N, C-alpha and C. Protein backbone atom coordinates (compact mmCIF):
# COMPACT_ATOMS: atom_id res chain seq x y z
N UNK A 1 0.67 -1.14 -0.04
CA UNK A 1 0.02 -0.11 0.23
C UNK A 1 0.81 1.13 0.05
N UNK A 2 2.00 1.25 0.69
CA UNK A 2 2.46 2.35 0.63
C UNK A 2 3.46 2.73 -0.70
N UNK A 3 3.71 1.52 -1.58
CA UNK A 3 4.53 1.73 -2.53
C UNK A 3 3.13 2.72 -3.74
N UNK A 4 2.20 2.33 -3.81
CA UNK A 4 0.90 2.44 -4.56
C UNK A 4 0.93 4.21 -4.14
N UNK A 5 1.12 4.45 -2.73
CA UNK A 5 0.74 5.88 -2.32
C UNK A 5 2.08 6.73 -2.89
N UNK A 6 3.10 6.23 -2.65
CA UNK A 6 4.05 7.05 -3.47
C UNK A 6 4.29 7.12 -4.86
N UNK A 7 3.98 5.94 -5.54
CA UNK A 7 3.62 5.98 -6.93
C UNK A 7 2.47 7.51 -7.26
N UNK A 8 1.25 7.42 -6.38
CA UNK A 8 0.33 8.33 -6.83
C UNK A 8 1.03 9.50 -6.70
N UNK A 9 1.83 9.90 -5.66
CA UNK A 9 2.28 11.38 -5.10
C UNK A 9 3.28 11.46 -6.27
N UNK A 10 4.04 10.59 -6.57
CA UNK A 10 5.36 10.91 -7.89
C UNK A 10 4.29 11.16 -9.20
N UNK A 11 3.30 10.72 -9.51
CA UNK A 11 2.51 11.14 -10.82
C UNK A 11 2.10 12.39 -10.58
N UNK A 12 1.42 12.75 -9.01
CA UNK A 12 0.70 14.03 -9.26
C UNK A 12 1.75 14.78 -9.47
N UNK A 13 3.21 15.02 -8.79
CA UNK A 13 4.27 15.85 -8.74
C UNK A 13 4.87 15.80 -10.57
N UNK A 14 4.91 14.89 -10.68
CA UNK A 14 4.97 14.69 -12.44
C UNK A 14 4.26 15.74 -13.31
N UNK A 15 2.88 15.51 -13.00
CA UNK A 15 1.90 16.07 -13.89
C UNK A 15 1.63 17.26 -13.37
N UNK A 16 1.73 17.85 -12.27
CA UNK A 16 1.85 19.35 -11.90
C UNK A 16 2.96 20.33 -12.42
N UNK A 17 4.09 19.39 -12.16
CA UNK A 17 5.13 20.16 -12.88
C UNK A 17 5.52 20.39 -14.22
N UNK A 18 4.92 18.91 -15.18
CA UNK A 18 4.87 19.42 -16.60
C UNK A 18 3.65 20.72 -16.98
N UNK A 19 3.01 20.72 -16.03
CA UNK A 19 1.75 22.20 -16.33
C UNK A 19 2.47 23.22 -16.13
N UNK A 20 3.11 23.47 -14.88
CA UNK A 20 3.38 24.60 -14.38
C UNK A 20 4.85 24.93 -15.27
N UNK A 21 6.09 24.39 -15.51
CA UNK A 21 7.00 24.33 -15.97
C UNK A 21 7.42 24.27 -17.78
N UNK A 22 6.37 23.07 -17.89
CA UNK A 22 6.58 22.81 -19.19
C UNK A 22 7.53 21.32 -19.38
N UNK A 23 7.66 20.79 -20.30
CA UNK A 23 8.26 19.04 -20.36
C UNK A 23 9.73 19.21 -20.52
N UNK A 24 10.36 19.89 -21.12
CA UNK A 24 11.90 19.85 -20.97
C UNK A 24 12.68 20.49 -19.32
N UNK A 25 12.33 21.38 -18.69
CA UNK A 25 12.62 21.66 -17.28
C UNK A 25 12.24 20.84 -16.54
N UNK A 26 10.94 19.87 -16.89
CA UNK A 26 10.63 18.67 -15.97
C UNK A 26 11.41 17.87 -16.04
N UNK A 27 11.63 17.41 -17.38
CA UNK A 27 12.57 16.22 -17.73
C UNK A 27 13.83 16.52 -17.13
N UNK A 28 14.37 17.89 -16.89
CA UNK A 28 15.49 18.41 -16.37
C UNK A 28 15.58 17.58 -14.85
N UNK A 29 14.49 18.43 -14.27
CA UNK A 29 14.32 18.41 -12.74
C UNK A 29 14.28 16.73 -12.31
N UNK A 30 13.56 15.74 -13.15
CA UNK A 30 13.26 14.58 -12.97
C UNK A 30 15.05 14.13 -12.94
N UNK A 31 15.65 14.26 -14.14
CA UNK A 31 17.00 13.73 -14.36
C UNK A 31 17.72 14.12 -13.03
N UNK A 32 18.06 15.18 -12.60
CA UNK A 32 18.58 16.08 -11.34
C UNK A 32 18.34 15.34 -10.00
N UNK A 33 16.76 14.92 -10.00
CA UNK A 33 16.43 14.13 -8.53
C UNK A 33 17.03 12.48 -8.43
N UNK A 34 16.71 12.28 -9.87
CA UNK A 34 17.35 10.77 -10.00
C UNK A 34 18.72 10.41 -9.89
N UNK A 35 19.31 11.06 -10.34
CA UNK A 35 21.15 11.15 -10.32
C UNK A 35 21.60 11.41 -9.03
N UNK A 36 20.77 12.58 -8.32
CA UNK A 36 21.23 12.65 -6.97
C UNK A 36 20.49 11.63 -6.02
N UNK A 37 19.51 11.01 -6.35
CA UNK A 37 19.13 10.23 -5.51
C UNK A 37 19.85 9.12 -5.55
N UNK A 38 20.26 8.43 -6.92
CA UNK A 38 21.37 7.63 -6.93
C UNK A 38 22.51 7.40 -6.23
N UNK A 39 23.18 8.49 -6.22
CA UNK A 39 24.42 9.06 -5.56
C UNK A 39 24.01 9.02 -3.86
N UNK A 40 23.17 9.39 -3.81
CA UNK A 40 22.85 9.15 -2.37
C UNK A 40 22.55 7.86 -2.01
N UNK A 41 22.03 6.89 -2.68
CA UNK A 41 21.75 5.48 -2.20
C UNK A 41 22.92 4.86 -2.44
N UNK A 42 24.06 4.97 -3.17
CA UNK A 42 24.96 4.13 -3.27
C UNK A 42 25.67 4.90 -2.13
N UNK A 43 26.08 5.75 -1.58
CA UNK A 43 27.01 6.56 -0.36
C UNK A 43 26.22 5.62 0.70
N UNK A 44 25.05 5.71 0.93
CA UNK A 44 24.15 4.84 1.82
C UNK A 44 24.42 3.57 1.97
N UNK A 45 24.69 2.81 0.86
CA UNK A 45 24.75 1.58 0.39
C UNK A 45 26.30 1.24 1.00
N UNK A 46 27.30 2.31 0.89
CA UNK A 46 28.86 2.21 1.53
C UNK A 46 28.43 2.22 2.51
N UNK A 47 27.57 2.67 3.43
CA UNK A 47 27.99 3.23 4.84
C UNK A 47 28.67 4.51 5.29
N UNK A 48 28.55 5.56 4.28
CA UNK A 48 28.80 6.74 4.25
C UNK A 48 27.90 7.49 5.18
N UNK A 49 28.18 8.52 5.86
CA UNK A 49 26.80 9.68 6.77
C UNK A 49 27.73 10.68 6.26
N UNK A 50 26.63 11.58 6.75
CA UNK A 50 27.01 13.06 6.35
C UNK A 50 28.12 13.66 7.50
N UNK A 51 27.89 12.78 8.87
CA UNK A 51 28.79 13.34 9.83
C UNK A 51 30.03 12.99 9.56
N UNK A 52 30.12 11.65 9.08
CA UNK A 52 31.60 11.24 8.41
C UNK A 52 31.79 11.82 7.33
N UNK A 53 31.39 12.26 6.49
CA UNK A 53 32.15 13.08 5.36
C UNK A 53 32.56 14.07 5.85
N UNK A 54 31.57 15.05 6.73
CA UNK A 54 32.07 16.32 7.20
C UNK A 54 33.31 16.19 7.94
N UNK A 55 33.59 15.41 8.89
CA UNK A 55 34.66 14.97 9.78
C UNK A 55 35.71 14.92 8.97
N UNK A 56 35.90 13.99 7.76
CA UNK A 56 36.78 13.64 7.17
C UNK A 56 37.07 15.26 5.97
N UNK A 57 36.38 15.82 5.52
CA UNK A 57 36.29 17.04 4.67
C UNK A 57 37.06 18.06 5.96
N UNK A 58 36.93 17.95 7.04
CA UNK A 58 37.59 19.08 7.83
C UNK A 58 38.84 18.42 8.28
N UNK A 59 39.28 17.56 8.36
CA UNK A 59 40.49 17.18 8.71
C UNK A 59 41.15 17.25 7.43
N UNK A 60 40.89 17.24 6.45
CA UNK A 60 41.53 17.76 5.27
C UNK A 60 41.70 19.11 5.14
N UNK A 61 41.21 19.91 5.72
CA UNK A 61 41.14 21.32 5.48
C UNK A 61 41.97 21.94 6.59
N UNK A 62 42.36 20.90 7.69
CA UNK A 62 43.07 21.29 8.92
C UNK A 62 44.52 21.18 8.58
N UNK A 63 44.60 19.85 7.48
CA UNK A 63 45.71 19.66 7.43
C UNK A 63 46.47 20.48 6.32
């Protein structure tokens, strides 16, 4: 049931964005969301967290 609800909400957002912004900007938004979501999924699967990444970046800046 939850997947059906997510599908309905996703379809509604796609149709509303198509009406508001047009076809090509909507495709750009969907591609950006898909790519960034995929990157987030891969980082999550590898066990990275925002806190760990922030600590690593601050250590690199400090050295």
